[in-house]
Amino acid sequence: MKFLKKITTNKIFKFFTNRYVLILLLFTIWMLFIDENSFLNHREFNKEIEELENSIEFYETEIKRNKKMIETLEDSNLLKKFARENFYMKKDNETLFLIEFDTLN
């Protein structure tokens, strides 16, 4: 009994058993963890937004690089060179030899 009386007279216990403090604690726990719009969900959404923004930047730079390549390939000689090097295209009277190097060493 003395122990229980000692706990109930403690200032900290009185503070946390106050109905307003209890309601505030329940509300914060609810908003941080349980609610559909909780802090944890917002944190996940912010990470996803950041990843999407990074991918947008990546694709914008790729678009710029590809536009520059398209501008350079408007010359027919450069277009033929690009097709030969990247797609192994050849003329009718040519023979194409592919040399592969062993890259394990």
PDB file of N, CA and C in Angstrom:
ATOM      1  N   MET A   1       0.802  -1.202   0.000  1.00  0.00           N
ATOM      2  CA  MET A   1       0.000   0.000   0.000  1.00  0.00           C
ATOM      3  C   MET A   1       0.848   1.271   0.000  1.00  0.00           C
ATOM      4  N   LYS A   2       1.917   1.217   0.764  1.00  0.00           N
ATOM      5  CA  LYS A   2       2.790   2.380   0.828  1.00  0.00           C
ATOM      6  C   LYS A   2       3.399   2.665  -0.548  1.00  0.00           C
ATOM      7  N   PHE A   3       3.747   1.596  -1.218  1.00  0.00           N
ATOM      8  CA  PHE A   3       4.348   1.754  -2.547  1.00  0.00           C
ATOM      9  C   PHE A   3       3.357   2.399  -3.514  1.00  0.00           C
ATOM     10  N   LEU A   4       2.128   1.935  -3.502  1.00  0.00           N
ATOM     11  CA  LEU A   4       1.106   2.493  -4.384  1.00  0.00           C
ATOM     12  C   LEU A   4       0.818   3.942  -4.037  1.00  0.00           C
ATOM     13  N   LYS A   5       0.775   4.243  -2.769  1.00  0.00           N
ATOM     14  CA  LYS A   5       0.531   5.619  -2.336  1.00  0.00           C
ATOM     15  C   LYS A   5       1.698   6.519  -2.731  1.00  0.00           C
ATOM     16  N   LYS A   6       2.901   5.966  -2.632  1.00  0.00           N
ATOM     17  CA  LYS A   6       4.078   6.735  -2.994  1.00  0.00           C
ATOM     18  C   LYS A   6       4.079   7.042  -4.495  1.00  0.00           C
ATOM     19  N   ILE A   7       3.665   6.090  -5.308  1.00  0.00           N
ATOM     20  CA  ILE A   7       3.606   6.300  -6.754  1.00  0.00           C
ATOM     21  C   ILE A   7       2.537   7.315  -7.104  1.00  0.00           C
ATOM     22  N   THR A   8       1.383   7.213  -6.510  1.00  0.00           N
ATOM     23  CA  THR A   8       0.277   8.123  -6.856  1.00  0.00           C
ATOM     24  C   THR A   8       0.527   9.546  -6.416  1.00  0.00           C
ATOM     25  N   THR A   9       1.377   9.743  -5.439  1.00  0.00           N
ATOM     26  CA  THR A   9       1.686  11.115  -5.003  1.00  0.00           C
ATOM     27  C   THR A   9       2.856  11.712  -5.778  1.00  0.00           C
ATOM     28  N   ASN A  10       3.485  10.933  -6.625  1.00  0.00           N
ATOM     29  CA  ASN A  10       4.603  11.401  -7.419  1.00  0.00           C
ATOM     30  C   ASN A  10       4.120  12.439  -8.445  1.00  0.00           C
ATOM     31  N   LYS A  11       4.915  13.500  -8.647  1.00  0.00           N
ATOM     32  CA  LYS A  11       4.533  14.576  -9.568  1.00  0.00           C
ATOM     33  C   LYS A  11       4.454  14.099 -11.015  1.00  0.00           C
ATOM     34  N   ILE A  12       5.374  13.259 -11.384  1.00  0.00           N
ATOM     35  CA  ILE A  12       5.397  12.754 -12.763  1.00  0.00           C
ATOM     36  C   ILE A  12       4.157  11.912 -13.030  1.00  0.00           C
ATOM     37  N   PHE A  13       3.803  11.075 -12.097  1.00  0.00           N
ATOM     38  CA  PHE A  13       2.604  10.250 -12.255  1.00  0.00           C
ATOM     39  C   PHE A  13       1.353  11.127 -12.359  1.00  0.00           C
ATOM     40  N   LYS A  14       1.277  12.140 -11.534  1.00  0.00           N
ATOM     41  CA  LYS A  14       0.131  13.041 -11.589  1.00  0.00           C
ATOM     42  C   LYS A  14       0.067  13.766 -12.933  1.00  0.00           C
ATOM     43  N   PHE A  15       1.231  14.147 -13.427  1.00  0.00           N
ATOM     44  CA  PHE A  15       1.255  14.839 -14.705  1.00  0.00           C
ATOM     45  C   PHE A  15       0.738  13.935 -15.821  1.00  0.00           C
ATOM     46  N   PHE A  16       1.214  12.705 -15.875  1.00  0.00           N
ATOM     47  CA  PHE A  16       0.831  11.800 -16.957  1.00  0.00           C
ATOM     48  C   PHE A  16      -0.563  11.210 -16.784  1.00  0.00           C
ATOM     49  N   THR A  17      -1.127  11.289 -15.626  1.00  0.00           N
ATOM     50  CA  THR A  17      -2.498  10.810 -15.453  1.00  0.00           C
ATOM     51  C   THR A  17      -3.524  11.926 -15.629  1.00  0.00           C
ATOM     52  N   ASN A  18      -3.059  13.103 -15.863  1.00  0.00           N
ATOM     53  CA  ASN A  18      -3.976  14.198 -16.165  1.00  0.00           C
ATOM     54  C   ASN A  18      -4.712  13.865 -17.466  1.00  0.00           C
ATOM     55  N   ARG A  19      -6.018  14.095 -17.508  1.00  0.00           N
ATOM     56  CA  ARG A  19      -6.814  13.676 -18.672  1.00  0.00           C
ATOM     57  C   ARG A  19      -6.386  14.404 -19.949  1.00  0.00           C
ATOM     58  N   TYR A  20      -5.974  15.637 -19.824  1.00  0.00           N
ATOM     59  CA  TYR A  20      -5.559  16.383 -21.010  1.00  0.00           C
ATOM     60  C   TYR A  20      -4.229  15.849 -21.561  1.00  0.00           C
ATOM     61  N   VAL A  21      -3.351  15.526 -20.673  1.00  0.00           N
ATOM     62  CA  VAL A  21      -2.071  14.954 -21.098  1.00  0.00           C
ATOM     63  C   VAL A  21      -2.301  13.586 -21.736  1.00  0.00           C
ATOM     64  N   LEU A  22      -3.165  12.785 -21.166  1.00  0.00           N
ATOM     65  CA  LEU A  22      -3.483  11.474 -21.735  1.00  0.00           C
ATOM     66  C   LEU A  22      -4.094  11.604 -23.121  1.00  0.00           C
ATOM     67  N   ILE A  23      -5.013  12.535 -23.260  1.00  0.00           N
ATOM     68  CA  ILE A  23      -5.632  12.754 -24.571  1.00  0.00           C
ATOM     69  C   ILE A  23      -4.592  13.233 -25.576  1.00  0.00           C
ATOM     70  N   LEU A  24      -3.729  14.125 -25.163  1.00  0.00           N
ATOM     71  CA  LEU A  24      -2.670  14.611 -26.041  1.00  0.00           C
ATOM     72  C   LEU A  24      -1.728  13.472 -26.446  1.00  0.00           C
ATOM     73  N   LEU A  25      -1.360  12.619 -25.517  1.00  0.00           N
ATOM     74  CA  LEU A  25      -0.499  11.472 -25.827  1.00  0.00           C
ATOM     75  C   LEU A  25      -1.183  10.520 -26.800  1.00  0.00           C
ATOM     76  N   LEU A  26      -2.423  10.229 -26.545  1.00  0.00           N
ATOM     77  CA  LEU A  26      -3.158   9.349 -27.453  1.00  0.00           C
ATOM     78  C   LEU A  26      -3.272   9.965 -28.847  1.00  0.00           C
ATOM     79  N   PHE A  27      -3.527  11.244 -28.896  1.00  0.00           N
ATOM     80  CA  PHE A  27      -3.631  11.933 -30.175  1.00  0.00           C
ATOM     81  C   PHE A  27      -2.302  11.890 -30.940  1.00  0.00           C
ATOM     82  N   THR A  28      -1.199  12.161 -30.260  1.00  0.00           N
ATOM     83  CA  THR A  28       0.100  12.144 -30.948  1.00  0.00           C
ATOM     84  C   THR A  28       0.458  10.738 -31.416  1.00  0.00           C
ATOM     85  N   ILE A  29       0.174   9.740 -30.593  1.00  0.00           N
ATOM     86  CA  ILE A  29       0.436   8.358 -31.017  1.00  0.00           C
ATOM     87  C   ILE A  29      -0.418   8.016 -32.230  1.00  0.00           C
ATOM     88  N   TRP A  30      -1.659   8.429 -32.184  1.00  0.00           N
ATOM     89  CA  TRP A  30      -2.562   8.174 -33.313  1.00  0.00           C
ATOM     90  C   TRP A  30      -2.050   8.847 -34.590  1.00  0.00           C
ATOM     91  N   MET A  31      -1.660  10.102 -34.487  1.00  0.00           N
ATOM     92  CA  MET A  31      -1.222  10.842 -35.667  1.00  0.00           C
ATOM     93  C   MET A  31       0.136  10.361 -36.178  1.00  0.00           C
ATOM     94  N   LEU A  32       0.989   9.894 -35.295  1.00  0.00           N
ATOM     95  CA  LEU A  32       2.313   9.463 -35.731  1.00  0.00           C
ATOM     96  C   LEU A  32       2.324   8.061 -36.329  1.00  0.00           C
ATOM     97  N   PHE A  33       1.501   7.173 -35.824  1.00  0.00           N
ATOM     98  CA  PHE A  33       1.638   5.780 -36.216  1.00  0.00           C
ATOM     99  C   PHE A  33       0.382   5.138 -36.807  1.00  0.00           C
ATOM    100  N   ILE A  34      -0.785   5.497 -36.371  1.00  0.00           N
ATOM    101  CA  ILE A  34      -1.984   4.734 -36.709  1.00  0.00           C
ATOM    102  C   ILE A  34      -2.767   5.338 -37.868  1.00  0.00           C
ATOM    103  N   ASP A  35      -2.858   6.620 -37.932  1.00  0.00           N
ATOM    104  CA  ASP A  35      -3.701   7.287 -38.918  1.00  0.00           C
ATOM    105  C   ASP A  35      -3.232   7.011 -40.344  1.00  0.00           C
ATOM    106  N   GLU A  36      -4.156   7.132 -41.280  1.00  0.00           N
ATOM    107  CA  GLU A  36      -3.831   6.922 -42.693  1.00  0.00           C
ATOM    108  C   GLU A  36      -2.813   7.952 -43.182  1.00  0.00           C
ATOM    109  N   ASN A  37      -2.861   9.138 -42.674  1.00  0.00           N
ATOM    110  CA  ASN A  37      -1.928  10.210 -43.038  1.00  0.00           C
ATOM    111  C   ASN A  37      -0.846  10.366 -41.969  1.00  0.00           C
ATOM    112  N   SER A  38      -0.345   9.273 -41.464  1.00  0.00           N
ATOM    113  CA  SER A  38       0.607   9.312 -40.365  1.00  0.00           C
ATOM    114  C   SER A  38       1.967   9.851 -40.817  1.00  0.00           C
ATOM    115  N   PHE A  39       2.772  10.127 -39.846  1.00  0.00           N
ATOM    116  CA  PHE A  39       4.123  10.618 -40.096  1.00  0.00           C
ATOM    117  C   PHE A  39       4.922   9.596 -40.886  1.00  0.00           C
ATOM    118  N   LEU A  40       4.758   8.330 -40.576  1.00  0.00           N
ATOM    119  CA  LEU A  40       5.494   7.277 -41.278  1.00  0.00           C
ATOM    120  C   LEU A  40       5.108   7.230 -42.753  1.00  0.00           C
ATOM    121  N   ASN A  41       3.830   7.362 -43.045  1.00  0.00           N
ATOM    122  CA  ASN A  41       3.394   7.394 -44.446  1.00  0.00           C
ATOM    123  C   ASN A  41       3.946   8.612 -45.167  1.00  0.00           C
ATOM    124  N   HIS A  42       3.916   9.743 -44.507  1.00  0.00           N
ATOM    125  CA  HIS A  42       4.454  10.963 -45.125  1.00  0.00           C
ATOM    126  C   HIS A  42       5.944  10.822 -45.410  1.00  0.00           C
ATOM    127  N   ARG A  43       6.662  10.179 -44.511  1.00  0.00           N
ATOM    128  CA  ARG A  43       8.090   9.973 -44.721  1.00  0.00           C
ATOM    129  C   ARG A  43       8.339   9.075 -45.932  1.00  0.00           C
ATOM    130  N   GLU A  44       7.548   8.011 -46.070  1.00  0.00           N
ATOM    131  CA  GLU A  44       7.672   7.134 -47.234  1.00  0.00           C
ATOM    132  C   GLU A  44       7.332   7.884 -48.527  1.00  0.00           C
ATOM    133  N   PHE A  45       6.283   8.687 -48.477  1.00  0.00           N
ATOM    134  CA  PHE A  45       5.894   9.451 -49.661  1.00  0.00           C
ATOM    135  C   PHE A  45       6.976  10.457 -50.039  1.00  0.00           C
ATOM    136  N   ASN A  46       7.590  11.083 -49.050  1.00  0.00           N
ATOM    137  CA  ASN A  46       8.662  12.042 -49.340  1.00  0.00           C
ATOM    138  C   ASN A  46       9.864  11.352 -49.979  1.00  0.00           C
ATOM    139  N   LYS A  47      10.183  10.138 -49.515  1.00  0.00           N
ATOM    140  CA  LYS A  47      11.272   9.382 -50.142  1.00  0.00           C
ATOM    141  C   LYS A  47      10.923   9.049 -51.588  1.00  0.00           C
ATOM    142  N   GLU A  48       9.691   8.644 -51.809  1.00  0.00           N
ATOM    143  CA  GLU A  48       9.262   8.311 -53.169  1.00  0.00           C
ATOM    144  C   GLU A  48       9.303   9.539 -54.071  1.00  0.00           C
ATOM    145  N   ILE A  49       8.879  10.676 -53.555  1.00  0.00           N
ATOM    146  CA  ILE A  49       8.924  11.926 -54.320  1.00  0.00           C
ATOM    147  C   ILE A  49      10.366  12.273 -54.675  1.00  0.00           C
ATOM    148  N   GLU A  50      11.270  12.101 -53.725  1.00  0.00           N
ATOM    149  CA  GLU A  50      12.678  12.406 -53.983  1.00  0.00           C
ATOM    150  C   GLU A  50      13.247  11.484 -55.063  1.00  0.00           C
ATOM    151  N   GLU A  51      12.902  10.194 -55.000  1.00  0.00           N
ATOM    152  CA  GLU A  51      13.369   9.258 -56.025  1.00  0.00           C
ATOM    153  C   GLU A  51      12.815   9.631 -57.399  1.00  0.00           C
ATOM    154  N   LEU A  52      11.548  10.015 -57.444  1.00  0.00           N
ATOM    155  CA  LEU A  52      10.949  10.400 -58.720  1.00  0.00           C
ATOM    156  C   LEU A  52      11.575  11.678 -59.276  1.00  0.00           C
ATOM    157  N   GLU A  53      11.885  12.619 -58.401  1.00  0.00           N
ATOM    158  CA  GLU A  53      12.546  13.844 -58.856  1.00  0.00           C
ATOM    159  C   GLU A  53      13.938  13.534 -59.403  1.00  0.00           C
ATOM    160  N   ASN A  54      14.636  12.607 -58.755  1.00  0.00           N
ATOM    161  CA  ASN A  54      15.954  12.204 -59.263  1.00  0.00           C
ATOM    162  C   ASN A  54      15.823  11.529 -60.622  1.00  0.00           C
ATOM    163  N   SER A  55      14.812  10.703 -60.787  1.00  0.00           N
ATOM    164  CA  SER A  55      14.627  10.060 -62.091  1.00  0.00           C
ATOM    165  C   SER A  55      14.237  11.085 -63.151  1.00  0.00           C
ATOM    166  N   ILE A  56      13.477  12.103 -62.784  1.00  0.00           N
ATOM    167  CA  ILE A  56      13.132  13.174 -63.731  1.00  0.00           C
ATOM    168  C   ILE A  56      14.402  13.874 -64.201  1.00  0.00           C
ATOM    169  N   GLU A  57      15.292  14.194 -63.253  1.00  0.00           N
ATOM    170  CA  GLU A  57      16.554  14.837 -63.637  1.00  0.00           C
ATOM    171  C   GLU A  57      17.367  13.947 -64.570  1.00  0.00           C
ATOM    172  N   PHE A  58      17.416  12.653 -64.250  1.00  0.00           N
ATOM    173  CA  PHE A  58      18.164  11.720 -65.091  1.00  0.00           C
ATOM    174  C   PHE A  58      17.596  11.697 -66.499  1.00  0.00           C
ATOM    175  N   TYR A  59      16.285  11.581 -66.616  1.00  0.00           N
ATOM    176  CA  TYR A  59      15.677  11.500 -67.946  1.00  0.00           C
ATOM    177  C   TYR A  59      15.786  12.817 -68.710  1.00  0.00           C
ATOM    178  N   GLU A  60      15.761  13.935 -68.010  1.00  0.00           N
ATOM    179  CA  GLU A  60      15.953  15.216 -68.699  1.00  0.00           C
ATOM    180  C   GLU A  60      17.357  15.312 -69.284  1.00  0.00           C
ATOM    181  N   THR A  61      18.352  14.855 -68.540  1.00  0.00           N
ATOM    182  CA  THR A  61      19.712  14.879 -69.092  1.00  0.00           C
ATOM    183  C   THR A  61      19.852  13.893 -70.244  1.00  0.00           C
ATOM    184  N   GLU A  62      19.185  12.739 -70.149  1.00  0.00           N
ATOM    185  CA  GLU A  62      19.223  11.779 -71.249  1.00  0.00           C
ATOM    186  C   GLU A  62      18.541  12.349 -72.494  1.00  0.00           C
ATOM    187  N   ILE A  63      17.449  13.066 -72.303  1.00  0.00           N
ATOM    188  CA  ILE A  63      16.750  13.690 -73.432  1.00  0.00           C
ATOM    189  C   ILE A  63      17.660  14.711 -74.105  1.00  0.00           C
ATOM    190  N   LYS A  64      18.341  15.532 -73.304  1.00  0.00           N
ATOM    191  CA  LYS A  64      19.262  16.523 -73.873  1.00  0.00           C
ATOM    192  C   LYS A  64      20.374  15.839 -74.654  1.00  0.00           C
ATOM    193  N   ARG A  65      20.922  14.769 -74.077  1.00  0.00           N
ATOM    194  CA  ARG A  65      22.006  14.046 -74.739  1.00  0.00           C
ATOM    195  C   ARG A  65      21.513  13.423 -76.043  1.00  0.00           C
ATOM    196  N   ASN A  66      20.318  12.846 -76.033  1.00  0.00           N
ATOM    197  CA  ASN A  66      19.769  12.225 -77.240  1.00  0.00           C
ATOM    198  C   ASN A  66      19.426  13.261 -78.302  1.00  0.00           C
ATOM    199  N   LYS A  67      18.932  14.432 -77.891  1.00  0.00           N
ATOM    200  CA  LYS A  67      18.652  15.493 -78.860  1.00  0.00           C
ATOM    201  C   LYS A  67      19.941  15.958 -79.538  1.00  0.00           C
ATOM    202  N   LYS A  68      21.002  16.068 -78.736  1.00  0.00           N
ATOM    203  CA  LYS A  68      22.288  16.464 -79.305  1.00  0.00           C
ATOM    204  C   LYS A  68      22.777  15.411 -80.292  1.00  0.00           C
ATOM    205  N   MET A  69      22.574  14.124 -79.944  1.00  0.00           N
ATOM    206  CA  MET A  69      22.986  13.053 -80.851  1.00  0.00           C
ATOM    207  C   MET A  69      22.160  13.074 -82.132  1.00  0.00           C
ATOM    208  N   ILE A  70      20.870  13.347 -82.017  1.00  0.00           N
ATOM    209  CA  ILE A  70      20.008  13.430 -83.208  1.00  0.00           C
ATOM    210  C   ILE A  70      20.464  14.566 -84.111  1.00  0.00           C
ATOM    211  N   GLU A  71      20.822  15.706 -83.526  1.00  0.00           N
ATOM    212  CA  GLU A  71      21.300  16.833 -84.325  1.00  0.00           C
ATOM    213  C   GLU A  71      22.579  16.484 -85.065  1.00  0.00           C
ATOM    214  N   THR A  72      23.462  15.726 -84.416  1.00  0.00           N
ATOM    215  CA  THR A  72      24.704  15.356 -85.099  1.00  0.00           C
ATOM    216  C   THR A  72      24.456  14.291 -86.156  1.00  0.00           C
ATOM    217  N   LEU A  73      23.436  13.467 -85.983  1.00  0.00           N
ATOM    218  CA  LEU A  73      23.169  12.392 -86.939  1.00  0.00           C
ATOM    219  C   LEU A  73      22.359  12.849 -88.149  1.00  0.00           C
ATOM    220  N   GLU A  74      22.008  14.115 -88.212  1.00  0.00           N
ATOM    221  CA  GLU A  74      21.284  14.602 -89.386  1.00  0.00           C
ATOM    222  C   GLU A  74      22.171  14.584 -90.632  1.00  0.00           C
ATOM    223  N   ASP A  75      23.468  14.601 -90.424  1.00  0.00           N
ATOM    224  CA  ASP A  75      24.397  14.440 -91.547  1.00  0.00           C
ATOM    225  C   ASP A  75      24.374  12.958 -91.942  1.00  0.00           C
ATOM    226  N   SER A  76      24.173  12.652 -93.219  1.00  0.00           N
ATOM    227  CA  SER A  76      23.992  11.265 -93.657  1.00  0.00           C
ATOM    228  C   SER A  76      25.242  10.418 -93.442  1.00  0.00           C
ATOM    229  N   ASN A  77      26.415  11.013 -93.587  1.00  0.00           N
ATOM    230  CA  ASN A  77      27.645  10.244 -93.365  1.00  0.00           C
ATOM    231  C   ASN A  77      27.794   9.829 -91.905  1.00  0.00           C
ATOM    232  N   LEU A  78      27.474  10.729 -91.006  1.00  0.00           N
ATOM    233  CA  LEU A  78      27.543  10.390 -89.579  1.00  0.00           C
ATOM    234  C   LEU A  78      26.482   9.368 -89.205  1.00  0.00           C
ATOM    235  N   LEU A  79      25.322   9.438 -89.848  1.00  0.00           N
ATOM    236  CA  LEU A  79      24.262   8.471 -89.591  1.00  0.00           C
ATOM    237  C   LEU A  79      24.696   7.073 -90.031  1.00  0.00           C
ATOM    238  N   LYS A  80      25.339   6.989 -91.180  1.00  0.00           N
ATOM    239  CA  LYS A  80      25.841   5.695 -91.654  1.00  0.00           C
ATOM    240  C   LYS A  80      26.911   5.152 -90.709  1.00  0.00           C
ATOM    241  N   LYS A  81      27.806   6.021 -90.274  1.00  0.00           N
ATOM    242  CA  LYS A  81      28.857   5.595 -89.355  1.00  0.00           C
ATOM    243  C   LYS A  81      28.252   5.088 -88.047  1.00  0.00           C
ATOM    244  N   PHE A  82      27.253   5.791 -87.527  1.00  0.00           N
ATOM    245  CA  PHE A  82      26.594   5.390 -86.287  1.00  0.00           C
ATOM    246  C   PHE A  82      25.908   4.035 -86.463  1.00  0.00           C
ATOM    247  N   ALA A  83      25.218   3.841 -87.597  1.00  0.00           N
ATOM    248  CA  ALA A  83      24.527   2.573 -87.839  1.00  0.00           C
ATOM    249  C   ALA A  83      25.525   1.433 -87.970  1.00  0.00           C
ATOM    250  N   ARG A  84      26.627   1.658 -88.613  1.00  0.00           N
ATOM    251  CA  ARG A  84      27.641   0.606 -88.763  1.00  0.00           C
ATOM    252  C   ARG A  84      28.254   0.233 -87.417  1.00  0.00           C
ATOM    253  N   GLU A  85      28.560   1.224 -86.581  1.00  0.00           N
ATOM    254  CA  GLU A  85      29.234   0.952 -85.315  1.00  0.00           C
ATOM    255  C   GLU A  85      28.300   0.344 -84.271  1.00  0.00           C
ATOM    256  N   ASN A  86      27.088   0.822 -84.200  1.00  0.00           N
ATOM    257  CA  ASN A  86      26.204   0.383 -83.120  1.00  0.00           C
ATOM    258  C   ASN A  86      25.280  -0.763 -83.508  1.00  0.00           C
ATOM    259  N   PHE A  87      24.880  -0.836 -84.751  1.00  0.00           N
ATOM    260  CA  PHE A  87      23.924  -1.870 -85.164  1.00  0.00           C
ATOM    261  C   PHE A  87      24.533  -2.869 -86.141  1.00  0.00           C
ATOM    262  N   TYR A  88      25.834  -2.768 -86.382  1.00  0.00           N
ATOM    263  CA  TYR A  88      26.578  -3.684 -87.237  1.00  0.00           C
ATOM    264  C   TYR A  88      25.960  -3.806 -88.632  1.00  0.00           C
ATOM    265  N   MET A  89      25.521  -2.707 -89.181  1.00  0.00           N
ATOM    266  CA  MET A  89      24.972  -2.697 -90.534  1.00  0.00           C
ATOM    267  C   MET A  89      26.118  -2.630 -91.537  1.00  0.00           C
ATOM    268  N   LYS A  90      25.869  -3.210 -92.703  1.00  0.00           N
ATOM    269  CA  LYS A  90      26.903  -3.244 -93.725  1.00  0.00           C
ATOM    270  C   LYS A  90      26.275  -3.051 -95.086  1.00  0.00           C
ATOM    271  N   LYS A  91      27.137  -2.730 -96.047  1.00  0.00           N
ATOM    272  CA  LYS A  91      26.683  -2.620 -97.424  1.00  0.00           C
ATOM    273  C   LYS A  91      26.588  -4.019 -98.022  1.00  0.00           C
ATOM    274  N   ASP A  92      25.964  -4.122 -99.198  1.00  0.00           N
ATOM    275  CA  ASP A  92      25.761  -5.431 -99.820  1.00  0.00           C
ATOM    276  C   ASP A  92      27.067  -6.121-100.179  1.00  0.00           C
ATOM    277  N   ASN A  93      28.049  -5.370-100.592  1.00  0.00           N
ATOM    278  CA  ASN A  93      29.292  -5.981-101.065  1.00  0.00           C
ATOM    279  C   ASN A  93      30.366  -6.045 -99.987  1.00  0.00           C
ATOM    280  N   GLU A  94      30.003  -5.884 -98.713  1.00  0.00           N
ATOM    281  CA  GLU A  94      30.973  -5.898 -97.626  1.00  0.00           C
ATOM    282  C   GLU A  94      30.798  -7.164 -96.776  1.00  0.00           C
ATOM    283  N   THR A  95      31.863  -7.513 -96.106  1.00  0.00           N
ATOM    284  CA  THR A  95      31.835  -8.588 -95.123  1.00  0.00           C
ATOM    285  C   THR A  95      32.163  -7.978 -93.775  1.00  0.00           C
ATOM    286  N   LEU A  96      31.416  -8.382 -92.776  1.00  0.00           N
ATOM    287  CA  LEU A  96      31.564  -7.795 -91.449  1.00  0.00           C
ATOM    288  C   LEU A  96      32.222  -8.813 -90.525  1.00  0.00           C
ATOM    289  N   PHE A  97      33.310  -8.424 -89.883  1.00  0.00           N
ATOM    290  CA  PHE A  97      34.007  -9.273 -88.925  1.00  0.00           C
ATOM    291  C   PHE A  97      33.869  -8.639 -87.547  1.00  0.00           C
ATOM    292  N   LEU A  98      33.330  -9.386 -86.598  1.00  0.00           N
ATOM    293  CA  LEU A  98      33.219  -8.904 -85.224  1.00  0.00           C
ATOM    294  C   LEU A  98      34.321  -9.538 -84.402  1.00  0.00           C
ATOM    295  N   ILE A  99      35.071  -8.723 -83.722  1.00  0.00           N
ATOM    296  CA  ILE A  99      36.163  -9.208 -82.876  1.00  0.00           C
ATOM    297  C   ILE A  99      35.768  -8.931 -81.431  1.00  0.00           C
ATOM    298  N   GLU A 100      35.666  -9.987 -80.658  1.00  0.00           N
ATOM    299  CA  GLU A 100      35.329  -9.852 -79.245  1.00  0.00           C
ATOM    300  C   GLU A 100      36.559 -10.131 -78.415  1.00  0.00           C
ATOM    301  N   PHE A 101      36.789  -9.316 -77.426  1.00  0.00           N
ATOM    302  CA  PHE A 101      37.926  -9.475 -76.557  1.00  0.00           C
ATOM    303  C   PHE A 101      37.487 -10.122 -75.259  1.00  0.00           C
ATOM    304  N   ASP A 102      38.361 -10.948 -74.703  1.00  0.00           N
ATOM    305  CA  ASP A 102      38.085 -11.573 -73.426  1.00  0.00           C
ATOM    306  C   ASP A 102      38.351 -10.542 -72.340  1.00  0.00           C
ATOM    307  N   THR A 103      37.337 -10.124 -71.621  1.00  0.00           N
ATOM    308  CA  THR A 103      37.470  -9.064 -70.631  1.00  0.00           C
ATOM    309  C   THR A 103      37.607  -9.615 -69.222  1.00  0.00           C
ATOM    310  N   LEU A 104      37.808 -10.900 -69.062  1.00  0.00           N
ATOM    311  CA  LEU A 104      37.933 -11.479 -67.726  1.00  0.00           C
ATOM    312  C   LEU A 104      39.275 -11.156 -67.081  1.00  0.00           C
ATOM    313  N   ASN A 105      40.301 -10.945 -67.864  1.00  0.00           N
ATOM    314  CA  ASN A 105      41.629 -10.676 -67.289  1.00  0.00           C
ATOM    315  C   ASN A 105      41.848  -9.245 -67.022  1.00  0.00           C
TER     316      ASN A 105
END
